[in-house]
Protein backbone atom coordinates (compact mmCIF):
# COMPACT_ATOMS: atom_id res chain seq x y z
CA MET A 1 12.76 16.02 15.35
CA ASP A 2 14.16 17.44 12.09
CA HIS A 3 14.36 13.89 10.72
CA LEU A 4 10.53 13.99 10.58
CA ARG A 5 10.37 17.11 8.43
CA TYR A 6 8.60 15.30 5.57
CA SER A 7 6.24 13.30 7.80
CA GLY A 8 2.56 14.01 7.16
CA LEU A 9 3.13 16.03 3.99
CA PRO A 10 1.01 15.42 0.86
CA PHE A 11 2.15 12.45 -1.23
CA GLU A 12 3.45 14.54 -4.14
CA GLU A 13 5.75 16.49 -1.81
CA GLN A 14 6.97 13.27 -0.21
CA ARG A 15 7.48 11.72 -3.65
CA ALA A 16 9.60 14.67 -4.79
CA ALA A 17 11.68 14.55 -1.59
CA PHE A 18 12.13 10.76 -1.87
CA LEU A 19 13.31 10.91 -5.47
CA ASP A 20 15.59 13.90 -4.76
CA ILE A 21 17.31 11.97 -1.97
CA VAL A 22 17.64 8.84 -4.13
CA ALA A 23 19.02 10.86 -7.05
CA THR A 24 21.77 12.40 -4.92
CA ASP A 25 22.79 9.41 -2.80
CA PRO A 26 26.26 8.29 -4.00
CA LEU A 27 25.59 4.57 -3.53
CA LEU A 28 22.22 4.67 -5.31
CA VAL A 29 23.42 6.91 -8.15
CA LYS A 30 26.21 4.45 -8.96
CA THR A 31 23.98 1.39 -8.57
CA LEU A 32 21.07 2.72 -10.61
CA ALA A 33 23.40 3.67 -13.48
CA ARG A 34 24.74 0.09 -13.60
CA VAL A 35 21.24 -1.40 -13.37
CA ARG A 36 20.02 0.81 -16.18
CA ALA A 37 22.87 -0.35 -18.42
CA LEU A 38 21.92 -3.97 -17.73
CA ALA A 39 18.50 -3.29 -19.31
CA LEU A 40 16.53 -6.08 -17.65
CA PRO A 41 12.80 -6.32 -18.46
CA ASP A 42 10.45 -4.57 -16.00
CA TRP A 43 13.26 -3.89 -13.51
CA LEU A 44 12.99 -2.21 -10.12
CA VAL A 45 15.50 -1.46 -7.39
CA VAL A 46 13.45 -2.08 -4.26
CA SER A 47 13.27 -2.03 -0.48
CA GLY A 48 16.17 -1.57 1.94
CA ALA A 49 18.69 0.26 -0.21
CA LEU A 50 16.00 2.88 -0.79
CA TYR A 51 14.29 3.45 2.55
CA ASN A 52 17.54 2.99 4.48
CA SER A 53 19.14 5.68 2.29
CA ILE A 54 16.25 8.02 3.12
CA TRP A 55 16.75 7.38 6.85
CA ASN A 56 20.50 7.90 6.52
CA HIS A 57 19.98 11.22 4.77
CA LEU A 58 17.48 12.45 7.34
CA THR A 59 19.57 11.40 10.36
CA GLY A 60 22.93 12.55 9.02
CA LYS A 61 24.42 9.09 8.57
CA PRO A 62 26.77 8.23 5.70
CA SER A 63 25.57 6.78 2.41
CA GLY A 64 25.32 3.00 2.65
CA TYR A 65 25.11 2.85 6.46
CA GLY A 66 23.07 -0.14 7.67
CA ILE A 67 22.43 -1.48 4.16
CA LYS A 68 23.25 -5.15 3.59
CA ASP A 69 22.65 -5.36 -0.14
CA VAL A 70 20.70 -3.96 -3.08
CA ASP A 71 17.58 -5.85 -4.18
CA LEU A 72 17.03 -5.78 -7.93
CA PHE A 73 13.79 -7.20 -9.28
CA TYR A 74 12.97 -7.94 -12.88
CA PHE A 75 10.04 -9.68 -14.51
CA ASP A 76 10.36 -12.20 -17.33
CA ASP A 77 7.77 -14.96 -17.63
CA ALA A 78 9.08 -16.34 -20.95
CA ASP A 79 11.12 -19.01 -19.13
CA LEU A 80 10.38 -19.78 -15.48
CA SER A 81 13.24 -22.23 -15.00
CA TYR A 82 15.88 -21.77 -12.33
CA GLU A 83 18.49 -22.02 -15.10
CA ALA A 84 17.08 -19.02 -16.96
CA GLU A 85 17.16 -16.87 -13.83
CA ASP A 86 20.65 -18.08 -13.00
CA THR A 87 21.83 -17.09 -16.47
CA VAL A 88 20.58 -13.53 -15.85
CA ILE A 89 22.24 -13.44 -12.41
CA ARG A 90 25.56 -14.52 -13.95
CA ARG A 91 25.22 -12.00 -16.78
CA ALA A 92 24.50 -9.26 -14.24
CA ALA A 93 27.44 -10.02 -11.96
CA PRO A 94 30.14 -8.21 -14.00
CA HIS A 95 27.96 -5.07 -14.16
CA PHE A 96 28.06 -4.79 -10.37
CA GLU A 97 31.74 -5.48 -9.74
CA ARG A 98 33.40 -2.82 -7.59
CA LEU A 99 30.11 -1.57 -6.19
CA PRO A 100 30.34 -1.25 -2.39
CA LEU A 101 27.36 -3.59 -1.79
CA PRO A 102 26.27 -6.87 -3.38
CA VAL A 103 23.30 -6.74 -5.75
CA GLU A 104 20.71 -9.53 -5.40
CA VAL A 105 18.92 -10.14 -8.72
CA ARG A 106 15.57 -11.98 -8.69
CA ASN A 107 12.95 -12.71 -11.35
CA GLN A 108 9.57 -11.91 -9.83
CA ALA A 109 7.81 -14.15 -12.37
CA ARG A 110 9.32 -17.16 -10.52
CA VAL A 111 8.65 -16.27 -6.87
CA HIS A 112 5.53 -18.44 -6.56
CA LEU A 113 7.62 -21.49 -7.48
CA TRP A 114 10.10 -21.34 -4.58
CA TYR A 115 8.27 -19.26 -1.99
CA PRO A 116 6.20 -22.09 -0.40
CA GLN A 117 9.29 -24.21 0.26
CA LYS A 118 11.25 -21.31 1.73
CA PHE A 119 8.48 -19.67 3.78
CA GLY A 120 5.94 -22.45 4.34
CA GLN A 121 2.97 -20.73 2.68
CA GLU A 122 1.63 -20.10 -0.79
CA CYS A 123 2.39 -16.93 -2.70
CA PRO A 124 0.42 -15.46 -5.59
CA ARG A 125 1.81 -15.59 -9.10
CA TYR A 126 2.88 -12.01 -9.70
CA MET A 127 2.20 -10.35 -13.02
CA SER A 128 4.86 -7.61 -12.73
CA SER A 129 7.71 -6.44 -10.55
CA SER A 130 5.52 -3.64 -9.23
CA GLU A 131 2.83 -6.06 -8.09
CA SER A 132 5.29 -8.07 -5.99
CA VAL A 133 6.27 -4.97 -4.00
CA GLY A 134 2.74 -4.87 -2.57
CA TYR A 135 3.33 -8.20 -0.81
CA PHE A 136 6.31 -7.16 1.32
CA ALA A 137 5.98 -7.95 5.04
CA SER A 138 5.94 -4.26 6.00
CA LYS A 139 4.19 -1.46 4.11
CA THR A 140 7.15 0.77 4.89
CA HIS A 141 9.43 -1.44 2.83
CA ALA A 142 7.18 -1.46 -0.25
CA VAL A 143 9.09 1.03 -2.37
CA GLY A 144 10.83 0.70 -5.72
CA VAL A 145 12.48 2.97 -8.27
CA ARG A 146 13.56 2.68 -11.89
CA PHE A 147 14.31 4.92 -14.84
CA GLY A 148 11.34 5.52 -17.12
CA GLY A 149 11.50 5.88 -20.89
CA ASP A 150 12.02 9.62 -20.48
CA GLY A 151 15.13 9.06 -18.37
CA GLN A 152 13.45 10.28 -15.18
CA LEU A 153 13.24 8.25 -12.00
CA GLU A 154 9.88 6.55 -11.47
CA LEU A 155 8.57 5.57 -8.05
CA VAL A 156 6.54 2.51 -7.09
CA ALA A 157 4.99 2.93 -3.63
CA PRO A 158 1.65 1.09 -3.29
CA PHE A 159 1.18 2.24 0.33
CA GLY A 160 2.56 5.74 -0.09
CA LEU A 161 5.63 7.15 1.68
CA ASP A 162 4.39 8.47 5.01
CA ASP A 163 5.60 5.41 6.93
CA VAL A 164 9.10 5.88 5.51
CA PHE A 165 9.20 9.58 6.35
CA SER A 166 7.61 8.98 9.76
CA PHE A 167 10.29 6.39 10.64
CA ARG A 168 7.48 3.93 11.27
CA ILE A 169 7.54 0.25 10.26
CA THR A 170 3.94 -0.80 9.64
CA PRO A 171 2.87 -4.41 9.01
CA ASN A 172 1.38 -5.47 5.70
CA ARG A 173 -1.02 -8.26 6.64
CA VAL A 174 -1.83 -9.38 3.09
CA MET A 175 0.18 -12.52 3.93
CA ASP A 176 1.33 -14.06 7.21
CA ASN A 177 4.77 -12.45 7.33
CA ARG A 178 4.81 -11.61 11.02
CA ARG A 179 8.27 -13.08 11.66
CA THR A 180 9.83 -11.14 8.79
CA HIS A 181 8.13 -7.90 9.88
CA GLU A 182 9.36 -8.29 13.46
CA ALA A 183 12.89 -9.33 12.49
CA LYS A 184 13.32 -6.42 10.09
CA GLY A 185 11.88 -4.04 12.66
CA THR A 186 14.33 -5.19 15.33
CA ARG A 187 17.29 -4.88 12.99
CA ALA A 188 16.23 -1.44 11.77
CA ARG A 189 15.92 -0.08 15.32
CA GLU A 190 19.50 -1.14 16.03
CA CYS A 191 20.68 1.12 13.20
CA TRP A 192 18.10 3.91 13.45
CA PRO A 193 16.80 4.23 17.03
CA GLU A 194 14.36 6.90 15.82
CA ILE A 195 12.21 4.12 14.32
CA SER A 196 8.98 2.85 15.83
CA VAL A 197 7.66 -0.61 14.94
CA VAL A 198 3.89 -1.10 14.77
CA PRO A 199 3.03 -4.50 16.28
CA TRP A 200 1.70 -7.18 13.95
C-alpha cells in the first residue's frame, strides 16, 4: 500500500509531492525544457504524461511506462483558423525531435470549432488553457503544469490531486464524456492494476 502514501494528505502536501515527482522525472524534465523554449502563449503540459508519471514513480515503474504521448495545450485566440494552428504545430515539431514520445500540440481557443463534429456534442468556448482542463472526462486527469515567470513549476488542478494519489479515476460529469471516461479507465487498469475506476 506504499503507493498510496500521499492519499488523503492536505492539498499543499500533495501539490509539493506532485511537483517534486514531475521535476525529477527524466521524460518530463526533458519535455518541459523543450516546451519552455518554444514559448507558446498560455501553454500547459497536461493529462496523461503527468498523472501516469506519478503512478509510475509510486509503483516503481520506469519513466515513460504506459504513456502514449505528451499533450501540450496553448491558447491563442488571435487567429482561430486551422491553418494558424497547423503553422504552430509545424514550428513546434523540430523542438521535439529525439524526444522518446510524440508531443501533441493543440490550441485550446479552437476546440469549440471541431469538438461537435468529433464528439457529437457542443463544447464551450474556452477562455484559457487552464479552463479547458476542467472539462476533461475524468477529474483525475485534470492536471497541468508549466513554468511560471519566476522559473518555478506551476500546477493547474481544478479538482485537486487526491484522485491521482489515491489511484482513483473519478468521472467529471460536466459534459457527457462517459465513453471516454470508461475507455481511459480500462486502459489505465491494464497498466496500473492498483487503479480503481468510479462508475459514471
